[in-house]
């Protein structure tokens, strides 16, 4: 296998509130390889977005800080990189599409201004050259009437159009890695399909790697090469996509898969996982999933399981069992 483009090792991020620090990302480790899509899944509050922001060096300081671990990109550890150098990495090497494009695009500036300023910050080009590059980037994501959109402001665009602008902004410097954080949140179904189609088309054409953060397991099954499942700030299972969907081992992964609607003719109530993700200040001392797990042993309540590699899979569970029908 090729060497990883990005290696995250034991990444730990804490948030400080009322004088107390809580871990929101807890010892996360994963690799990203050239031209692959890694899906990162889990319920809201599991730490997916905070993991991505930690990798990008965008956690809200001073309320949050990286307390440990490495994020290696080539021969550099991004955690210890000075902010001036980290700004060069963002966009050029690693780009990110955020959940909400309306709050991510500055409402005071036109779309053309936002894109050209990003280009000129990273490339030694004239303003007309930057404007031409920005127009081409909008055309590549098939934004309707890109010439008109260049002079418009974010609030004048629909949600789908704003998301295409975000994709164009993330891709126009041709990064090696794209982090897509819930790129179709709050869009209707038809627009979701269009956005994903454009995003995946660009990923294949450019041969870049992508970290796809999503709740949609159907999308992950269709496009990802590998999947990492997060719960309560840590990865509990990681495997190639076919292996994880055909033979999930962690009870949480199994619960997520059972909760996916199968067909419109499916009878009875959808399967749900009882309880909810614990707040970071109230994570149980043993396995964080033990209060919601039907397979929990006494040991699960007292000891914290490690993420153990086994035949291409990484699993954090003391009592894995084969998936049984719901």
Protein backbone atom coordinates (compact mmCIF):
# COMPACT_ATOMS: atom_id res chain seq x y z
CA UNK A 1 0.00 0.00 0.00
CA UNK A 2 1.17 3.56 -0.75
CA UNK A 3 2.37 5.77 2.06
CA UNK A 4 -0.40 7.81 3.68
CA UNK A 5 -0.85 11.43 2.67
CA UNK A 6 -2.10 12.28 6.14
CA UNK A 7 -1.48 10.43 9.40
CA UNK A 8 -3.41 11.35 12.52
CA UNK A 9 -2.07 9.78 15.70
CA UNK A 10 -3.63 9.97 19.18
CA UNK A 11 -5.21 13.35 18.47
CA UNK A 12 -6.81 14.79 21.60
CA UNK A 13 -8.69 18.08 21.70
CA UNK A 14 -10.12 19.68 24.83
CA UNK A 15 -12.64 22.44 25.47
CA UNK A 16 -12.42 24.62 28.55
CA UNK A 17 -15.60 25.87 30.17
CA UNK A 18 -16.07 27.35 33.63
CA UNK A 19 -12.46 26.56 34.44
CA UNK A 20 -12.75 22.83 33.63
CA UNK A 21 -11.39 21.08 30.54
CA UNK A 22 -13.26 18.25 28.78
CA UNK A 23 -11.96 16.02 25.99
CA UNK A 24 -14.10 16.29 22.84
CA UNK A 25 -11.64 14.39 20.61
CA UNK A 26 -10.04 11.51 22.48
CA UNK A 27 -6.99 9.76 21.07
CA UNK A 28 -8.18 9.66 17.46
CA UNK A 29 -5.92 7.91 14.93
CA UNK A 30 -6.42 7.31 11.21
CA UNK A 31 -4.58 7.50 7.89
CA UNK A 32 -5.62 8.93 4.55
CA UNK A 33 -4.12 7.50 1.36
CA UNK A 34 -3.82 8.99 -2.13
CA UNK A 35 -7.00 9.05 -4.21
CA UNK A 36 -9.23 7.44 -1.56
CA UNK A 37 -12.43 8.45 0.20
CA UNK A 38 -12.56 7.87 3.95
CA UNK A 39 -16.05 8.11 5.45
CA UNK A 40 -16.34 9.41 9.00
CA UNK A 41 -19.74 8.59 10.51
CA UNK A 42 -21.56 8.82 13.82
CA UNK A 43 -24.37 10.66 15.56
CA UNK A 44 -24.32 14.40 16.19
CA UNK A 45 -22.06 15.17 19.14
CA UNK A 46 -19.64 12.31 18.47
CA UNK A 47 -16.74 14.65 17.62
CA UNK A 48 -16.61 14.37 13.83
CA UNK A 49 -16.54 18.09 13.08
CA UNK A 50 -14.17 18.85 15.97
CA UNK A 51 -11.81 16.21 14.60
CA UNK A 52 -11.84 17.90 11.19
CA UNK A 53 -11.34 21.37 12.68
CA UNK A 54 -8.45 20.03 14.76
CA UNK A 55 -6.77 18.63 11.65
CA UNK A 56 -7.20 22.01 9.92
CA UNK A 57 -6.00 23.98 12.95
CA UNK A 58 -9.33 25.81 13.09
CA UNK A 59 -10.56 24.97 16.59
CA UNK A 60 -11.96 28.00 18.44
CA UNK A 61 -9.09 29.30 20.59
CA UNK A 62 -8.66 29.90 23.50
CA UNK A 63 -11.80 27.95 24.45
CA UNK A 64 -10.39 24.84 22.74
CA UNK A 65 -6.89 23.48 22.28
CA UNK A 66 -5.14 20.39 20.98
CA UNK A 67 -3.86 18.64 24.10
CA UNK A 68 -1.91 15.85 22.42
CA UNK A 69 -1.14 13.82 19.34
CA UNK A 70 0.17 14.46 15.84
CA UNK A 71 -1.29 15.35 12.46
CA UNK A 72 1.44 14.53 9.97
CA UNK A 73 1.22 15.77 6.39
CA UNK A 74 4.36 14.72 4.58
CA UNK A 75 7.28 15.51 6.87
CA UNK A 76 5.40 18.18 8.82
CA UNK A 77 3.40 17.90 12.03
CA UNK A 78 0.49 20.30 11.52
CA UNK A 79 -0.20 20.47 15.26
CA UNK A 80 3.12 22.18 15.93
CA UNK A 81 3.18 24.24 12.72
CA UNK A 82 3.19 28.03 13.19
CA UNK A 83 -0.07 29.69 12.15
CA UNK A 84 1.63 31.53 9.28
CA UNK A 85 2.77 28.22 7.75
CA UNK A 86 -0.56 26.56 8.55
CA UNK A 87 -2.36 29.20 6.49
CA UNK A 88 -0.30 28.08 3.51
CA UNK A 89 -1.32 24.46 4.06
CA UNK A 90 -5.02 25.37 4.15
CA UNK A 91 -6.32 25.63 0.61
CA UNK A 92 -3.08 24.68 -1.12
CA UNK A 93 -2.70 21.22 0.44
CA UNK A 94 -5.83 20.56 2.51
CA UNK A 95 -9.19 22.25 1.98
CA UNK A 96 -12.46 22.02 3.86
CA UNK A 97 -16.12 22.40 2.94
CA UNK A 98 -18.14 23.44 5.97
CA UNK A 99 -21.65 22.38 6.98
CA UNK A 100 -23.34 25.74 6.55
CA UNK A 101 -22.16 27.77 3.54
CA UNK A 102 -24.27 30.80 4.51
CA UNK A 103 -22.31 31.32 7.73
CA UNK A 104 -19.02 30.29 6.10
CA UNK A 105 -19.22 32.91 3.31
CA UNK A 106 -18.66 36.50 4.43
CA UNK A 107 -21.96 38.33 3.71
CA UNK A 108 -20.15 41.66 3.23
CA UNK A 109 -18.39 40.60 0.03
CA UNK A 110 -19.47 39.36 -3.37
CA UNK A 111 -18.83 35.80 -4.49
CA UNK A 112 -16.22 37.02 -6.97
CA UNK A 113 -14.39 39.01 -4.32
CA UNK A 114 -14.33 36.07 -1.89
CA UNK A 115 -12.89 33.69 -4.49
CA UNK A 116 -10.34 36.07 -5.99
CA UNK A 117 -8.99 37.03 -2.56
CA UNK A 118 -8.37 33.36 -1.74
CA UNK A 119 -6.54 32.90 -5.04
CA UNK A 120 -4.39 36.00 -4.63
CA UNK A 121 -3.47 35.01 -1.07
CA UNK A 122 -1.98 31.75 -2.36
CA UNK A 123 -0.95 32.56 -5.94
CA UNK A 124 1.14 35.38 -7.42
CA UNK A 125 -1.38 36.47 -10.05
CA UNK A 126 -3.02 39.74 -11.07
CA UNK A 127 -6.61 40.52 -10.14
CA UNK A 128 -7.90 39.89 -13.70
CA UNK A 129 -6.10 36.53 -13.71
CA UNK A 130 -7.58 35.65 -10.31
CA UNK A 131 -11.05 36.63 -11.53
CA UNK A 132 -10.64 34.36 -14.55
CA UNK A 133 -9.55 31.49 -12.29
CA UNK A 134 -12.52 32.09 -9.99
CA UNK A 135 -14.94 32.12 -12.93
CA UNK A 136 -13.49 28.85 -14.20
CA UNK A 137 -13.82 27.29 -10.74
CA UNK A 138 -17.53 28.23 -10.61
CA UNK A 139 -18.05 26.83 -14.11
CA UNK A 140 -16.37 23.53 -13.15
CA UNK A 141 -18.92 22.93 -10.38
CA UNK A 142 -21.67 23.81 -12.88
CA UNK A 143 -22.99 26.83 -11.03
CA UNK A 144 -25.68 28.35 -13.29
CA UNK A 145 -24.68 31.64 -14.95
CA UNK A 146 -21.32 31.96 -13.18
CA UNK A 147 -20.62 35.43 -14.63
CA UNK A 148 -23.69 36.83 -12.88
CA UNK A 149 -22.96 34.97 -9.63
CA UNK A 150 -19.53 36.60 -9.42
CA UNK A 151 -21.15 39.97 -8.63
CA UNK A 152 -23.82 38.59 -6.29
CA UNK A 153 -23.66 38.22 -2.50
CA UNK A 154 -24.12 34.98 -0.52
CA UNK A 155 -27.66 35.85 0.60
CA UNK A 156 -28.73 36.21 -3.04
CA UNK A 157 -27.93 32.56 -3.80
CA UNK A 158 -29.91 29.45 -2.93
CA UNK A 159 -28.51 26.88 -0.49
CA UNK A 160 -27.44 24.60 -3.32
CA UNK A 161 -25.71 27.45 -5.15
CA UNK A 162 -23.86 28.53 -2.01
CA UNK A 163 -22.67 24.99 -1.50
CA UNK A 164 -21.35 24.88 -5.06
CA UNK A 165 -19.48 28.11 -4.35
CA UNK A 166 -17.95 26.47 -1.27
CA UNK A 167 -16.90 23.46 -3.35
CA UNK A 168 -15.37 25.75 -5.99
CA UNK A 169 -13.50 27.70 -3.30
CA UNK A 170 -12.20 24.49 -1.72
CA UNK A 171 -11.02 23.00 -5.01
CA UNK A 172 -9.70 25.92 -7.03
CA UNK A 173 -6.18 25.65 -5.56
CA UNK A 174 -6.12 21.91 -6.38
CA UNK A 175 -5.55 20.50 -2.85
CA UNK A 176 -4.29 16.99 -2.16
CA UNK A 177 -6.97 16.39 0.50
CA UNK A 178 -10.53 17.67 0.77
CA UNK A 179 -12.46 17.50 4.05
CA UNK A 180 -16.20 17.62 3.32
CA UNK A 181 -18.17 18.16 6.54
CA UNK A 182 -21.81 17.24 5.93
CA UNK A 183 -21.68 18.89 2.48
CA UNK A 184 -25.41 18.40 1.80
CA UNK A 185 -26.85 19.40 5.19
CA UNK A 186 -30.14 21.39 4.97
CA UNK A 187 -30.51 20.82 1.21
CA UNK A 188 -33.46 19.08 -0.36
CA UNK A 189 -32.99 15.57 -1.73
CA UNK A 190 -32.60 16.47 -5.41
CA UNK A 191 -30.08 19.21 -4.65
CA UNK A 192 -28.19 16.84 -2.32
CA UNK A 193 -27.77 14.40 -5.20
CA UNK A 194 -26.52 17.14 -7.52
CA UNK A 195 -24.00 18.46 -5.00
CA UNK A 196 -22.64 14.98 -4.24
CA UNK A 197 -22.40 14.22 -7.94
CA UNK A 198 -20.36 17.38 -8.59
CA UNK A 199 -18.17 16.74 -5.55
CA UNK A 200 -17.41 13.14 -6.43
CA UNK A 201 -16.85 14.02 -10.07
CA UNK A 202 -14.22 16.56 -9.06
CA UNK A 203 -12.62 14.09 -6.63
CA UNK A 204 -12.24 11.47 -9.37
CA UNK A 205 -11.05 13.95 -11.99
CA UNK A 206 -8.41 15.44 -9.72
CA UNK A 207 -7.38 12.17 -8.05
CA UNK A 208 -7.46 13.78 -4.61
CA UNK A 209 -8.27 12.19 -1.27
CA UNK A 210 -11.44 13.08 0.61
CA UNK A 211 -12.56 12.81 4.21
CA UNK A 212 -16.36 12.63 3.93
CA UNK A 213 -18.13 13.44 7.20
CA UNK A 214 -21.78 12.47 7.02
CA UNK A 215 -24.78 10.93 8.75
CA UNK A 216 -25.86 9.28 5.49
CA UNK A 217 -24.64 5.67 5.59
CA UNK A 218 -26.13 5.08 2.15
CA UNK A 219 -23.78 7.66 0.66
CA UNK A 220 -20.83 6.17 2.55
CA UNK A 221 -21.66 2.67 1.29
CA UNK A 222 -21.83 3.94 -2.29
CA UNK A 223 -18.70 6.11 -2.47
CA UNK A 224 -16.25 5.45 0.40
CA UNK A 225 -13.24 3.13 0.30
CA UNK A 226 -12.90 2.90 4.08
CA UNK A 227 -15.13 3.90 6.99
CA UNK A 228 -14.31 5.14 10.49
CA UNK A 229 -17.13 5.12 13.05
CA UNK A 230 -16.92 7.71 15.84
CA UNK A 231 -18.63 7.63 19.21
CA UNK A 232 -18.13 10.03 22.11
CA UNK A 233 -15.00 11.60 20.65
CA UNK A 234 -13.17 8.42 19.65
CA UNK A 235 -13.08 5.94 16.78
CA UNK A 236 -14.76 2.69 17.79
CA UNK A 237 -14.48 0.80 14.49
CA UNK A 238 -12.62 1.29 11.24
CA UNK A 239 -12.62 -1.02 8.23
CA UNK A 240 -12.85 -1.18 4.42
CA UNK A 241 -16.35 -0.21 3.39
CA UNK A 242 -17.41 -3.67 2.19
CA UNK A 243 -16.14 -5.36 5.33
CA UNK A 244 -17.79 -2.87 7.67
CA UNK A 245 -21.21 -2.99 6.01
CA UNK A 246 -21.29 -6.76 5.53
CA UNK A 247 -19.84 -7.68 8.93
CA UNK A 248 -20.02 -4.82 11.47
CA UNK A 249 -18.53 -5.82 14.81
CA UNK A 250 -19.05 -2.94 17.22
CA UNK A 251 -22.54 -2.77 18.78
CA UNK A 252 -22.71 0.94 17.94
CA UNK A 253 -21.91 0.33 14.27
CA UNK A 254 -24.54 -2.40 14.22
CA UNK A 255 -27.08 -0.02 15.75
CA UNK A 256 -26.36 2.63 13.13
CA UNK A 257 -26.81 0.14 10.30
CA UNK A 258 -30.05 -1.25 11.75
CA UNK A 259 -31.42 2.29 11.94
CA UNK A 260 -31.10 2.81 8.18
CA UNK A 261 -34.51 2.51 6.44
CA UNK A 262 -34.38 -0.40 4.01
CA UNK A 263 -37.35 0.18 1.69
CA UNK A 264 -40.45 2.28 1.59
CA UNK A 265 -42.46 -0.92 2.09
CA UNK A 266 -40.68 -1.73 5.36
CA UNK A 267 -43.22 -2.43 8.10
CA UNK A 268 -43.03 -1.52 11.76
CA UNK A 269 -41.05 1.16 13.55
CA UNK A 270 -37.48 1.93 12.61
CA UNK A 271 -34.81 0.53 14.89
CA UNK A 272 -33.35 3.11 17.27
CA UNK A 273 -30.40 3.09 19.66
CA UNK A 274 -31.71 3.81 23.18
CA UNK A 275 -30.26 6.77 25.02
CA UNK A 276 -28.02 9.44 23.59
CA UNK A 277 -24.37 10.37 23.16
CA UNK A 278 -23.04 11.49 26.58
CA UNK A 279 -21.82 15.08 26.92
CA UNK A 280 -18.00 15.17 27.13
CA UNK A 281 -18.10 16.10 30.83
CA UNK A 282 -20.17 12.99 31.63
CA UNK A 283 -18.41 10.26 29.64
CA UNK A 284 -18.56 6.95 31.59
CA UNK A 285 -15.24 5.67 33.02
CA UNK A 286 -15.30 2.43 30.99
CA UNK A 287 -16.59 2.06 27.45
CA UNK A 288 -18.54 5.25 26.59
CA UNK A 289 -21.17 3.17 24.79
CA UNK A 290 -21.81 0.79 27.71
CA UNK A 291 -24.96 2.59 29.03
CA UNK A 292 -26.61 2.10 25.60
CA UNK A 293 -25.22 -1.35 24.79
CA UNK A 294 -27.19 -4.59 25.12
CA UNK A 295 -23.93 -6.60 25.00
CA UNK A 296 -22.14 -4.75 27.80
CA UNK A 297 -20.21 -6.83 30.33
CA UNK A 298 -19.21 -5.78 33.83
CA UNK A 299 -15.77 -5.16 32.39
CA UNK A 300 -17.24 -2.68 29.86
CA UNK A 301 -18.41 -0.43 32.69
CA UNK A 302 -15.03 -0.46 34.44
CA UNK A 303 -12.34 -0.60 31.73
CA UNK A 304 -11.80 1.51 28.65
CA UNK A 305 -11.20 -0.67 25.55
CA UNK A 306 -8.31 0.07 23.21
CA UNK A 307 -8.64 0.29 19.42
CA UNK A 308 -7.18 -3.06 18.34
CA UNK A 309 -6.16 -3.93 14.74
CA UNK A 310 -7.40 -7.28 13.40
CA UNK A 311 -7.27 -8.41 9.76
CA UNK A 312 -7.71 -4.98 8.18
CA UNK A 313 -10.21 -3.81 10.79
CA UNK A 314 -9.67 -1.72 13.93
CA UNK A 315 -12.14 -2.40 16.74
CA UNK A 316 -12.70 -0.95 20.21
CA UNK A 317 -14.91 -3.53 21.98
CA UNK A 318 -14.59 -6.19 24.69
CA UNK A 319 -17.60 -8.21 23.54
CA UNK A 320 -18.12 -8.07 19.76
CA UNK A 321 -20.76 -10.35 18.24
CA UNK A 322 -21.95 -10.97 14.69
CA UNK A 323 -24.80 -8.76 13.52
CA UNK A 324 -28.20 -10.42 14.01
CA UNK A 325 -31.44 -9.32 12.33
CA UNK A 326 -33.30 -6.60 14.24
